[in-house]
């Protein structure tokens, strides 16, 4: 794809633009220009016929791919531009659509696809260790919801059209955005983003998240707790409960409680949800007492 010959609209409508690789030859200024035009194009499409509304999802995929390029380049401005574009696109839906028990098809489709792209970008932020961008991606509100991540999931589930869970759909999108990522890697990354985004939301709204990773089990996320979150000096902790071990410990306990509850309910209905509980002694030493278990062992306090 030529960065010179294509107009912004051509790029937004090109199905190839939905993958990161197709946009790597474009400079940051051009990609920022492309996403700046996206919300106006989507608004025009949503006002049109059914086929036009379907084309709006192509535009949204391109915006997601631009965000993926920014993450791969470690270009925070480009990621922010993509997020700002998605915020504007989100606002094209009617906020009153969140009030009924069934979300209207127009908003459900729009917000569901936004949520899929957001979770996929969050997973790529985990892979690239882009923690400030991950925080920015999480802390966007939608109506009376504490995060648009939760709002998108709720809108999709209320529509009755969500045949697969949001993390499975997002993992599939990760593999489209970043070919070469294995299914296992993609799923682990989206689960880790689910945990991290829940913790960030918990800083101000402890009940404002849903533990989506409960379906896939604590093994998908616990290494992140042990290797990164327990350590106040880690780069990750500058974006997740910075300087607040007590708040982090309580949020981890709450996530585990909610995940165990959701998984137990699912298993009761015959579903194979895998979350049982955090099981690493190092995780529980931190949650229970704020200690690093390794230090207890060295000091002779381990029993």
C-alpha atoms as a PDB file:
ATOM      1  CA  UNK A   1       0.000   0.000   0.000  1.00  0.00           C
ATOM      2  CA  UNK A   2       1.483   3.329  -1.055  1.00  0.00           C
ATOM      3  CA  UNK A   3       1.622   6.037   1.628  1.00  0.00           C
ATOM      4  CA  UNK A   4       1.493   8.702  -1.082  1.00  0.00           C
ATOM      5  CA  UNK A   5      -1.125   7.607  -3.614  1.00  0.00           C
ATOM      6  CA  UNK A   6      -3.875   6.629  -1.178  1.00  0.00           C
ATOM      7  CA  UNK A   7      -6.303   9.156   0.276  1.00  0.00           C
ATOM      8  CA  UNK A   8      -7.226   8.899   3.952  1.00  0.00           C
ATOM      9  CA  UNK A   9     -10.632   7.512   2.981  1.00  0.00           C
ATOM     10  CA  UNK A  10      -9.032   4.911   0.728  1.00  0.00           C
ATOM     11  CA  UNK A  11      -6.873   3.762   3.617  1.00  0.00           C
ATOM     12  CA  UNK A  12      -9.788   3.664   6.056  1.00  0.00           C
ATOM     13  CA  UNK A  13     -11.900   1.555   3.679  1.00  0.00           C
ATOM     14  CA  UNK A  14      -9.161  -0.820   2.548  1.00  0.00           C
ATOM     15  CA  UNK A  15      -9.655  -4.223   4.246  1.00  0.00           C
ATOM     16  CA  UNK A  16      -5.875  -4.686   4.194  1.00  0.00           C
ATOM     17  CA  UNK A  17      -5.538  -1.722   6.569  1.00  0.00           C
ATOM     18  CA  UNK A  18      -6.983  -3.810   9.387  1.00  0.00           C
ATOM     19  CA  UNK A  19      -3.592  -5.463   9.953  1.00  0.00           C
ATOM     20  CA  UNK A  20      -0.532  -3.819  11.455  1.00  0.00           C
ATOM     21  CA  UNK A  21       1.835  -4.922   8.708  1.00  0.00           C
ATOM     22  CA  UNK A  22      -0.038  -3.102   5.955  1.00  0.00           C
ATOM     23  CA  UNK A  23       0.466   0.246   7.684  1.00  0.00           C
ATOM     24  CA  UNK A  24       4.090  -0.011   8.740  1.00  0.00           C
ATOM     25  CA  UNK A  25       5.358   2.014   5.764  1.00  0.00           C
ATOM     26  CA  UNK A  26       3.291   5.062   6.750  1.00  0.00           C
ATOM     27  CA  UNK A  27       4.884   7.828   8.850  1.00  0.00           C
ATOM     28  CA  UNK A  28       3.341   8.858  12.148  1.00  0.00           C
ATOM     29  CA  UNK A  29       1.976  12.126  10.783  1.00  0.00           C
ATOM     30  CA  UNK A  30       0.071  10.364   8.013  1.00  0.00           C
ATOM     31  CA  UNK A  31      -1.400   7.727  10.290  1.00  0.00           C
ATOM     32  CA  UNK A  32      -2.479  10.416  12.759  1.00  0.00           C
ATOM     33  CA  UNK A  33      -4.181  12.208   9.879  1.00  0.00           C
ATOM     34  CA  UNK A  34      -5.980   9.005   8.884  1.00  0.00           C
ATOM     35  CA  UNK A  35      -7.438   8.363  12.344  1.00  0.00           C
ATOM     36  CA  UNK A  36      -8.367  12.039  12.709  1.00  0.00           C
ATOM     37  CA  UNK A  37     -10.759  11.584   9.770  1.00  0.00           C
ATOM     38  CA  UNK A  38     -12.209   8.307  10.991  1.00  0.00           C
ATOM     39  CA  UNK A  39     -15.057   9.479  13.222  1.00  0.00           C
ATOM     40  CA  UNK A  40     -16.522  11.736  10.525  1.00  0.00           C
ATOM     41  CA  UNK A  41     -16.421   8.879   8.013  1.00  0.00           C
ATOM     42  CA  UNK A  42     -18.057   6.490  10.498  1.00  0.00           C
ATOM     43  CA  UNK A  43     -20.768   9.057  11.277  1.00  0.00           C
ATOM     44  CA  UNK A  44     -21.630   9.288   7.584  1.00  0.00           C
ATOM     45  CA  UNK A  45     -21.731   5.505   7.259  1.00  0.00           C
ATOM     46  CA  UNK A  46     -23.913   4.996  10.337  1.00  0.00           C
ATOM     47  CA  UNK A  47     -26.428   7.435   8.895  1.00  0.00           C
ATOM     48  CA  UNK A  48     -26.658   5.371   5.698  1.00  0.00           C
ATOM     49  CA  UNK A  49     -28.107   2.018   4.736  1.00  0.00           C
ATOM     50  CA  UNK A  50     -27.169  -1.371   6.186  1.00  0.00           C
ATOM     51  CA  UNK A  51     -24.255  -1.920   3.809  1.00  0.00           C
ATOM     52  CA  UNK A  52     -22.826   1.459   4.735  1.00  0.00           C
ATOM     53  CA  UNK A  53     -23.059   0.588   8.423  1.00  0.00           C
ATOM     54  CA  UNK A  54     -21.120  -2.620   7.784  1.00  0.00           C
ATOM     55  CA  UNK A  55     -18.393  -0.534   6.133  1.00  0.00           C
ATOM     56  CA  UNK A  56     -18.078   1.400   9.395  1.00  0.00           C
ATOM     57  CA  UNK A  57     -16.494  -1.704  10.915  1.00  0.00           C
ATOM     58  CA  UNK A  58     -13.768  -1.612   8.252  1.00  0.00           C
ATOM     59  CA  UNK A  59     -12.952   1.923   9.327  1.00  0.00           C
ATOM     60  CA  UNK A  60     -12.872   0.869  12.958  1.00  0.00           C
ATOM     61  CA  UNK A  61     -10.498  -1.994  12.125  1.00  0.00           C
ATOM     62  CA  UNK A  62      -8.132   0.465  10.476  1.00  0.00           C
ATOM     63  CA  UNK A  63      -8.132   2.706  13.542  1.00  0.00           C
ATOM     64  CA  UNK A  64      -7.326  -0.339  15.690  1.00  0.00           C
ATOM     65  CA  UNK A  65      -4.475  -1.265  13.370  1.00  0.00           C
ATOM     66  CA  UNK A  66      -3.051   2.262  13.628  1.00  0.00           C
ATOM     67  CA  UNK A  67      -3.052   1.864  17.405  1.00  0.00           C
ATOM     68  CA  UNK A  68      -1.221  -1.452  16.978  1.00  0.00           C
ATOM     69  CA  UNK A  69       1.406   0.243  14.810  1.00  0.00           C
ATOM     70  CA  UNK A  70       1.888   2.878  17.507  1.00  0.00           C
ATOM     71  CA  UNK A  71       2.393   0.198  20.150  1.00  0.00           C
ATOM     72  CA  UNK A  72       4.908  -1.683  17.998  1.00  0.00           C
ATOM     73  CA  UNK A  73       6.825   1.547  17.366  1.00  0.00           C
ATOM     74  CA  UNK A  74       6.559   2.608  21.019  1.00  0.00           C
ATOM     75  CA  UNK A  75       4.993   5.816  19.689  1.00  0.00           C
ATOM     76  CA  UNK A  76       2.793   7.052  22.513  1.00  0.00           C
ATOM     77  CA  UNK A  77       1.403   9.978  20.512  1.00  0.00           C
ATOM     78  CA  UNK A  78       0.187   7.729  17.716  1.00  0.00           C
ATOM     79  CA  UNK A  79      -1.478   5.386  20.216  1.00  0.00           C
ATOM     80  CA  UNK A  80      -3.147   8.375  21.886  1.00  0.00           C
ATOM     81  CA  UNK A  81      -4.383   9.607  18.506  1.00  0.00           C
ATOM     82  CA  UNK A  82      -5.920   6.204  17.791  1.00  0.00           C
ATOM     83  CA  UNK A  83      -7.559   6.124  21.240  1.00  0.00           C
ATOM     84  CA  UNK A  84      -8.946   9.641  20.735  1.00  0.00           C
ATOM     85  CA  UNK A  85     -10.412   8.547  17.421  1.00  0.00           C
ATOM     86  CA  UNK A  86     -12.091   5.550  19.055  1.00  0.00           C
ATOM     87  CA  UNK A  87     -13.483   7.798  21.805  1.00  0.00           C
ATOM     88  CA  UNK A  88     -15.086   9.961  19.117  1.00  0.00           C
ATOM     89  CA  UNK A  89     -16.465   6.899  17.328  1.00  0.00           C
ATOM     90  CA  UNK A  90     -17.841   5.552  20.597  1.00  0.00           C
ATOM     91  CA  UNK A  91     -19.704   8.833  21.062  1.00  0.00           C
ATOM     92  CA  UNK A  92     -21.557   8.315  17.781  1.00  0.00           C
ATOM     93  CA  UNK A  93     -23.746   5.748  19.559  1.00  0.00           C
ATOM     94  CA  UNK A  94     -26.757   6.910  21.546  1.00  0.00           C
ATOM     95  CA  UNK A  95     -25.842   6.793  25.284  1.00  0.00           C
ATOM     96  CA  UNK A  96     -29.488   6.021  26.068  1.00  0.00           C
ATOM     97  CA  UNK A  97     -28.963   2.667  24.342  1.00  0.00           C
ATOM     98  CA  UNK A  98     -27.256   1.384  27.502  1.00  0.00           C
ATOM     99  CA  UNK A  99     -30.454   1.720  29.529  1.00  0.00           C
ATOM    100  CA  UNK A 100     -32.689  -1.023  28.049  1.00  0.00           C
ATOM    101  CA  UNK A 101     -32.046  -4.659  28.893  1.00  0.00           C
ATOM    102  CA  UNK A 102     -31.423  -5.264  25.197  1.00  0.00           C
ATOM    103  CA  UNK A 103     -29.000  -2.920  23.446  1.00  0.00           C
ATOM    104  CA  UNK A 104     -30.202  -1.797  19.985  1.00  0.00           C
ATOM    105  CA  UNK A 105     -28.365  -3.507  17.130  1.00  0.00           C
ATOM    106  CA  UNK A 106     -26.681  -0.307  15.878  1.00  0.00           C
ATOM    107  CA  UNK A 107     -25.009   0.500  19.215  1.00  0.00           C
ATOM    108  CA  UNK A 108     -24.399  -3.139  20.096  1.00  0.00           C
ATOM    109  CA  UNK A 109     -22.459  -3.738  16.879  1.00  0.00           C
ATOM    110  CA  UNK A 110     -20.526  -0.488  17.160  1.00  0.00           C
ATOM    111  CA  UNK A 111     -19.589  -0.831  20.820  1.00  0.00           C
ATOM    112  CA  UNK A 112     -18.912  -4.565  20.654  1.00  0.00           C
ATOM    113  CA  UNK A 113     -16.423  -4.098  17.827  1.00  0.00           C
ATOM    114  CA  UNK A 114     -14.823  -1.192  19.629  1.00  0.00           C
ATOM    115  CA  UNK A 115     -14.434  -3.346  22.746  1.00  0.00           C
ATOM    116  CA  UNK A 116     -12.860  -6.171  20.735  1.00  0.00           C
ATOM    117  CA  UNK A 117     -10.306  -3.767  19.267  1.00  0.00           C
ATOM    118  CA  UNK A 118      -9.679  -2.193  22.677  1.00  0.00           C
ATOM    119  CA  UNK A 119      -9.006  -5.537  24.350  1.00  0.00           C
ATOM    120  CA  UNK A 120      -6.768  -6.536  21.440  1.00  0.00           C
ATOM    121  CA  UNK A 121      -4.781  -3.315  21.745  1.00  0.00           C
ATOM    122  CA  UNK A 122      -4.557  -3.870  25.488  1.00  0.00           C
ATOM    123  CA  UNK A 123      -3.102  -7.314  24.847  1.00  0.00           C
ATOM    124  CA  UNK A 124      -0.534  -5.829  22.471  1.00  0.00           C
ATOM    125  CA  UNK A 125       0.308  -3.208  25.100  1.00  0.00           C
ATOM    126  CA  UNK A 126       1.037  -6.091  27.487  1.00  0.00           C
ATOM    127  CA  UNK A 127       3.222  -7.778  24.878  1.00  0.00           C
ATOM    128  CA  UNK A 128       5.129  -4.555  24.194  1.00  0.00           C
ATOM    129  CA  UNK A 129       5.215  -3.584  27.900  1.00  0.00           C
ATOM    130  CA  UNK A 130       3.657  -0.210  27.099  1.00  0.00           C
ATOM    131  CA  UNK A 131       2.139   0.434  30.504  1.00  0.00           C
ATOM    132  CA  UNK A 132       1.220   4.158  30.220  1.00  0.00           C
ATOM    133  CA  UNK A 133      -0.629   3.436  26.967  1.00  0.00           C
ATOM    134  CA  UNK A 134      -2.386   0.509  28.636  1.00  0.00           C
ATOM    135  CA  UNK A 135      -3.565   2.836  31.392  1.00  0.00           C
ATOM    136  CA  UNK A 136      -4.806   5.418  28.902  1.00  0.00           C
ATOM    137  CA  UNK A 137      -6.603   2.685  26.984  1.00  0.00           C
ATOM    138  CA  UNK A 138      -8.431   1.655  30.149  1.00  0.00           C
ATOM    139  CA  UNK A 139      -9.369   5.009  31.638  1.00  0.00           C
ATOM    140  CA  UNK A 140     -11.925   6.156  29.095  1.00  0.00           C
ATOM    141  CA  UNK A 141     -15.472   6.400  30.396  1.00  0.00           C
ATOM    142  CA  UNK A 142     -18.697   5.590  28.579  1.00  0.00           C
ATOM    143  CA  UNK A 143     -21.862   7.049  30.038  1.00  0.00           C
ATOM    144  CA  UNK A 144     -22.260   5.988  33.665  1.00  0.00           C
ATOM    145  CA  UNK A 145     -19.787   3.109  33.307  1.00  0.00           C
ATOM    146  CA  UNK A 146     -16.374   3.418  34.893  1.00  0.00           C
ATOM    147  CA  UNK A 147     -14.657   2.194  31.723  1.00  0.00           C
ATOM    148  CA  UNK A 148     -15.678   1.766  28.122  1.00  0.00           C
ATOM    149  CA  UNK A 149     -14.217  -1.750  28.271  1.00  0.00           C
ATOM    150  CA  UNK A 150     -17.013  -2.889  30.551  1.00  0.00           C
ATOM    151  CA  UNK A 151     -19.618  -0.832  28.708  1.00  0.00           C
ATOM    152  CA  UNK A 152     -18.732  -2.430  25.375  1.00  0.00           C
ATOM    153  CA  UNK A 153     -18.931  -5.916  26.812  1.00  0.00           C
ATOM    154  CA  UNK A 154     -22.282  -5.219  28.489  1.00  0.00           C
ATOM    155  CA  UNK A 155     -23.761  -3.703  25.322  1.00  0.00           C
ATOM    156  CA  UNK A 156     -22.715  -6.713  23.293  1.00  0.00           C
ATOM    157  CA  UNK A 157     -23.999  -9.272  25.791  1.00  0.00           C
ATOM    158  CA  UNK A 158     -27.347  -7.495  26.108  1.00  0.00           C
ATOM    159  CA  UNK A 159     -27.818  -7.627  22.342  1.00  0.00           C
ATOM    160  CA  UNK A 160     -27.964 -11.407  22.530  1.00  0.00           C
ATOM    161  CA  UNK A 161     -25.653 -11.704  19.508  1.00  0.00           C
ATOM    162  CA  UNK A 162     -22.380 -12.397  21.330  1.00  0.00           C
ATOM    163  CA  UNK A 163     -21.777 -16.096  20.629  1.00  0.00           C
ATOM    164  CA  UNK A 164     -18.210 -16.021  21.981  1.00  0.00           C
ATOM    165  CA  UNK A 165     -16.789 -14.260  25.000  1.00  0.00           C
ATOM    166  CA  UNK A 166     -15.041 -10.925  24.576  1.00  0.00           C
ATOM    167  CA  UNK A 167     -11.560 -12.264  25.364  1.00  0.00           C
ATOM    168  CA  UNK A 168     -11.763 -15.040  22.759  1.00  0.00           C
ATOM    169  CA  UNK A 169     -12.847 -12.518  20.135  1.00  0.00           C
ATOM    170  CA  UNK A 170     -10.104 -10.125  21.177  1.00  0.00           C
ATOM    171  CA  UNK A 171      -7.455 -12.867  21.047  1.00  0.00           C
ATOM    172  CA  UNK A 172      -8.516 -13.614  17.487  1.00  0.00           C
ATOM    173  CA  UNK A 173      -8.199  -9.903  16.658  1.00  0.00           C
ATOM    174  CA  UNK A 174      -4.696  -9.874  18.183  1.00  0.00           C
ATOM    175  CA  UNK A 175      -3.636 -12.567  15.737  1.00  0.00           C
ATOM    176  CA  UNK A 176      -5.026 -10.486  12.861  1.00  0.00           C
ATOM    177  CA  UNK A 177      -3.266  -7.347  14.026  1.00  0.00           C
ATOM    178  CA  UNK A 178      -0.012  -9.137  14.769  1.00  0.00           C
ATOM    179  CA  UNK A 179       0.335 -12.260  12.592  1.00  0.00           C
ATOM    180  CA  UNK A 180       2.776 -14.719  14.073  1.00  0.00           C
ATOM    181  CA  UNK A 181       1.252 -14.491  17.535  1.00  0.00           C
ATOM    182  CA  UNK A 182       0.165 -17.939  18.661  1.00  0.00           C
ATOM    183  CA  UNK A 183      -3.334 -18.633  19.939  1.00  0.00           C
ATOM    184  CA  UNK A 184      -1.948 -19.366  23.413  1.00  0.00           C
ATOM    185  CA  UNK A 185       0.117 -16.158  23.474  1.00  0.00           C
ATOM    186  CA  UNK A 186      -2.809 -14.044  22.313  1.00  0.00           C
ATOM    187  CA  UNK A 187      -5.178 -15.485  24.904  1.00  0.00           C
ATOM    188  CA  UNK A 188      -2.674 -15.066  27.743  1.00  0.00           C
ATOM    189  CA  UNK A 189      -2.074 -11.442  26.735  1.00  0.00           C
ATOM    190  CA  UNK A 190      -5.779 -10.539  26.632  1.00  0.00           C
ATOM    191  CA  UNK A 191      -6.302 -12.232  30.018  1.00  0.00           C
ATOM    192  CA  UNK A 192      -3.407 -10.260  31.492  1.00  0.00           C
ATOM    193  CA  UNK A 193      -4.872  -7.067  30.075  1.00  0.00           C
ATOM    194  CA  UNK A 194      -8.197  -7.986  31.645  1.00  0.00           C
ATOM    195  CA  UNK A 195      -6.534  -8.243  35.045  1.00  0.00           C
ATOM    196  CA  UNK A 196      -4.479  -5.069  34.661  1.00  0.00           C
ATOM    197  CA  UNK A 197      -7.394  -3.000  33.372  1.00  0.00           C
ATOM    198  CA  UNK A 198      -9.541  -4.267  36.263  1.00  0.00           C
ATOM    199  CA  UNK A 199      -6.858  -3.197  38.747  1.00  0.00           C
ATOM    200  CA  UNK A 200      -6.592   0.250  37.166  1.00  0.00           C
ATOM    201  CA  UNK A 201     -10.368   0.680  37.275  1.00  0.00           C
ATOM    202  CA  UNK A 202     -10.298  -0.461  40.924  1.00  0.00           C
ATOM    203  CA  UNK A 203      -8.137   2.491  41.891  1.00  0.00           C
ATOM    204  CA  UNK A 204     -11.284   4.644  41.824  1.00  0.00           C
ATOM    205  CA  UNK A 205     -14.156   2.158  41.333  1.00  0.00           C
ATOM    206  CA  UNK A 206     -13.538  -1.169  43.121  1.00  0.00           C
ATOM    207  CA  UNK A 207     -16.758  -2.687  41.766  1.00  0.00           C
ATOM    208  CA  UNK A 208     -16.394  -1.292  38.252  1.00  0.00           C
ATOM    209  CA  UNK A 209     -14.957  -4.349  36.509  1.00  0.00           C
ATOM    210  CA  UNK A 210     -15.900  -7.897  35.516  1.00  0.00           C
ATOM    211  CA  UNK A 211     -13.291 -10.708  35.800  1.00  0.00           C
ATOM    212  CA  UNK A 212     -13.424 -11.976  32.219  1.00  0.00           C
ATOM    213  CA  UNK A 213     -10.300 -14.093  32.690  1.00  0.00           C
ATOM    214  CA  UNK A 214     -12.253 -16.317  35.095  1.00  0.00           C
ATOM    215  CA  UNK A 215     -13.159 -18.514  32.131  1.00  0.00           C
ATOM    216  CA  UNK A 216      -9.524 -19.291  31.367  1.00  0.00           C
ATOM    217  CA  UNK A 217      -7.993 -19.666  34.792  1.00  0.00           C
ATOM    218  CA  UNK A 218      -5.484 -18.013  37.089  1.00  0.00           C
ATOM    219  CA  UNK A 219      -2.556 -19.625  35.259  1.00  0.00           C
ATOM    220  CA  UNK A 220      -3.015 -17.135  32.420  1.00  0.00           C
ATOM    221  CA  UNK A 221      -2.289 -14.139  34.669  1.00  0.00           C
ATOM    222  CA  UNK A 222      -0.525 -15.146  37.877  1.00  0.00           C
ATOM    223  CA  UNK A 223       3.000 -14.875  36.507  1.00  0.00           C
ATOM    224  CA  UNK A 224       2.311 -11.174  35.950  1.00  0.00           C
ATOM    225  CA  UNK A 225       1.417 -10.799  39.622  1.00  0.00           C
ATOM    226  CA  UNK A 226       4.486 -12.659  40.812  1.00  0.00           C
ATOM    227  CA  UNK A 227       7.037 -11.169  38.439  1.00  0.00           C
ATOM    228  CA  UNK A 228       5.788  -7.586  38.100  1.00  0.00           C
ATOM    229  CA  UNK A 229       2.903  -6.420  40.262  1.00  0.00           C
ATOM    230  CA  UNK A 230       4.405  -7.388  43.636  1.00  0.00           C
ATOM    231  CA  UNK A 231       7.420  -5.179  43.001  1.00  0.00           C
ATOM    232  CA  UNK A 232       6.748  -1.504  43.732  1.00  0.00           C
ATOM    233  CA  UNK A 233       9.789  -0.429  41.735  1.00  0.00           C
ATOM    234  CA  UNK A 234       8.750  -2.213  38.525  1.00  0.00           C
ATOM    235  CA  UNK A 235       7.852  -0.128  35.481  1.00  0.00           C
ATOM    236  CA  UNK A 236       4.388  -1.682  35.457  1.00  0.00           C
ATOM    237  CA  UNK A 237       3.659  -0.436  38.967  1.00  0.00           C
ATOM    238  CA  UNK A 238       4.093   3.171  37.817  1.00  0.00           C
ATOM    239  CA  UNK A 239       0.826   2.680  35.923  1.00  0.00           C
ATOM    240  CA  UNK A 240      -1.032   0.303  38.272  1.00  0.00           C
ATOM    241  CA  UNK A 241      -1.609   1.443  41.877  1.00  0.00           C
ATOM    242  CA  UNK A 242       1.607   3.508  41.956  1.00  0.00           C
ATOM    243  CA  UNK A 243       2.896   3.884  45.519  1.00  0.00           C
ATOM    244  CA  UNK A 244      -0.121   2.022  46.906  1.00  0.00           C
ATOM    245  CA  UNK A 245       0.618  -1.580  47.877  1.00  0.00           C
ATOM    246  CA  UNK A 246      -2.407  -1.737  50.176  1.00  0.00           C
ATOM    247  CA  UNK A 247      -4.813  -0.731  47.413  1.00  0.00           C
ATOM    248  CA  UNK A 248      -3.233  -3.183  44.994  1.00  0.00           C
ATOM    249  CA  UNK A 249      -3.418  -6.065  47.459  1.00  0.00           C
ATOM    250  CA  UNK A 250      -7.097  -5.415  48.107  1.00  0.00           C
ATOM    251  CA  UNK A 251      -7.842  -5.139  44.378  1.00  0.00           C
ATOM    252  CA  UNK A 252      -6.052  -8.424  43.666  1.00  0.00           C
ATOM    253  CA  UNK A 253      -8.034 -10.114  46.416  1.00  0.00           C
ATOM    254  CA  UNK A 254     -11.283  -8.722  44.986  1.00  0.00           C
ATOM    255  CA  UNK A 255     -10.443  -9.845  41.457  1.00  0.00           C
ATOM    256  CA  UNK A 256      -9.702 -13.327  42.737  1.00  0.00           C
ATOM    257  CA  UNK A 257     -12.954 -13.382  44.757  1.00  0.00           C
ATOM    258  CA  UNK A 258     -15.030 -12.295  41.771  1.00  0.00           C
ATOM    259  CA  UNK A 259     -13.271 -14.688  39.397  1.00  0.00           C
ATOM    260  CA  UNK A 260     -13.793 -17.654  41.730  1.00  0.00           C
ATOM    261  CA  UNK A 261     -17.483 -16.763  42.080  1.00  0.00           C
ATOM    262  CA  UNK A 262     -18.075 -16.378  38.343  1.00  0.00           C
ATOM    263  CA  UNK A 263     -16.210 -19.597  37.571  1.00  0.00           C
ATOM    264  CA  UNK A 264     -18.129 -21.526  40.237  1.00  0.00           C
ATOM    265  CA  UNK A 265     -21.468 -20.330  38.825  1.00  0.00           C
ATOM    266  CA  UNK A 266     -20.365 -21.311  35.320  1.00  0.00           C
ATOM    267  CA  UNK A 267     -19.226 -24.774  36.416  1.00  0.00           C
ATOM    268  CA  UNK A 268     -22.560 -25.261  38.180  1.00  0.00           C
ATOM    269  CA  UNK A 269     -24.267 -24.899  34.784  1.00  0.00           C
ATOM    270  CA  UNK A 270     -21.854 -27.380  33.186  1.00  0.00           C
ATOM    271  CA  UNK A 271     -19.418 -24.899  31.629  1.00  0.00           C
ATOM    272  CA  UNK A 272     -15.688 -25.571  31.911  1.00  0.00           C
ATOM    273  CA  UNK A 273     -14.496 -22.361  33.559  1.00  0.00           C
ATOM    274  CA  UNK A 274     -11.035 -22.828  35.021  1.00  0.00           C
ATOM    275  CA  UNK A 275     -10.436 -20.188  37.685  1.00  0.00           C
ATOM    276  CA  UNK A 276     -10.039 -21.821  41.106  1.00  0.00           C
ATOM    277  CA  UNK A 277      -7.904 -19.269  42.971  1.00  0.00           C
ATOM    278  CA  UNK A 278      -4.480 -17.714  42.888  1.00  0.00           C
ATOM    279  CA  UNK A 279      -2.255 -20.570  43.973  1.00  0.00           C
ATOM    280  CA  UNK A 280       1.322 -19.291  44.156  1.00  0.00           C
ATOM    281  CA  UNK A 281       2.552 -18.768  47.725  1.00  0.00           C
ATOM    282  CA  UNK A 282       4.306 -15.597  46.579  1.00  0.00           C
ATOM    283  CA  UNK A 283       0.993 -14.132  45.401  1.00  0.00           C
ATOM    284  CA  UNK A 284      -0.739 -14.869  48.697  1.00  0.00           C
ATOM    285  CA  UNK A 285       2.143 -13.653  50.851  1.00  0.00           C
ATOM    286  CA  UNK A 286       1.864 -10.329  49.053  1.00  0.00           C
ATOM    287  CA  UNK A 287      -1.951 -10.144  49.218  1.00  0.00           C
ATOM    288  CA  UNK A 288      -2.159 -11.239  52.848  1.00  0.00           C
ATOM    289  CA  UNK A 289       0.692  -9.245  54.346  1.00  0.00           C
ATOM    290  CA  UNK A 290       2.381  -7.164  51.674  1.00  0.00           C
ATOM    291  CA  UNK A 291       5.551  -9.233  51.917  1.00  0.00           C
ATOM    292  CA  UNK A 292       7.694 -10.833  49.274  1.00  0.00           C
ATOM    293  CA  UNK A 293       7.696 -14.529  50.149  1.00  0.00           C
ATOM    294  CA  UNK A 294      11.326 -14.821  49.077  1.00  0.00           C
ATOM    295  CA  UNK A 295      12.316 -12.336  51.789  1.00  0.00           C
ATOM    296  CA  UNK A 296      10.439 -14.348  54.407  1.00  0.00           C
ATOM    297  CA  UNK A 297      12.370 -17.453  53.365  1.00  0.00           C
ATOM    298  CA  UNK A 298      15.731 -15.692  53.554  1.00  0.00           C
ATOM    299  CA  UNK A 299      14.876 -14.272  56.982  1.00  0.00           C
ATOM    300  CA  UNK A 300      13.821 -17.669  58.284  1.00  0.00           C
ATOM    301  CA  UNK A 301      10.153 -16.740  58.734  1.00  0.00           C
ATOM    302  CA  UNK A 302       8.755 -19.223  56.233  1.00  0.00           C
ATOM    303  CA  UNK A 303       6.965 -22.134  57.864  1.00  0.00           C
END
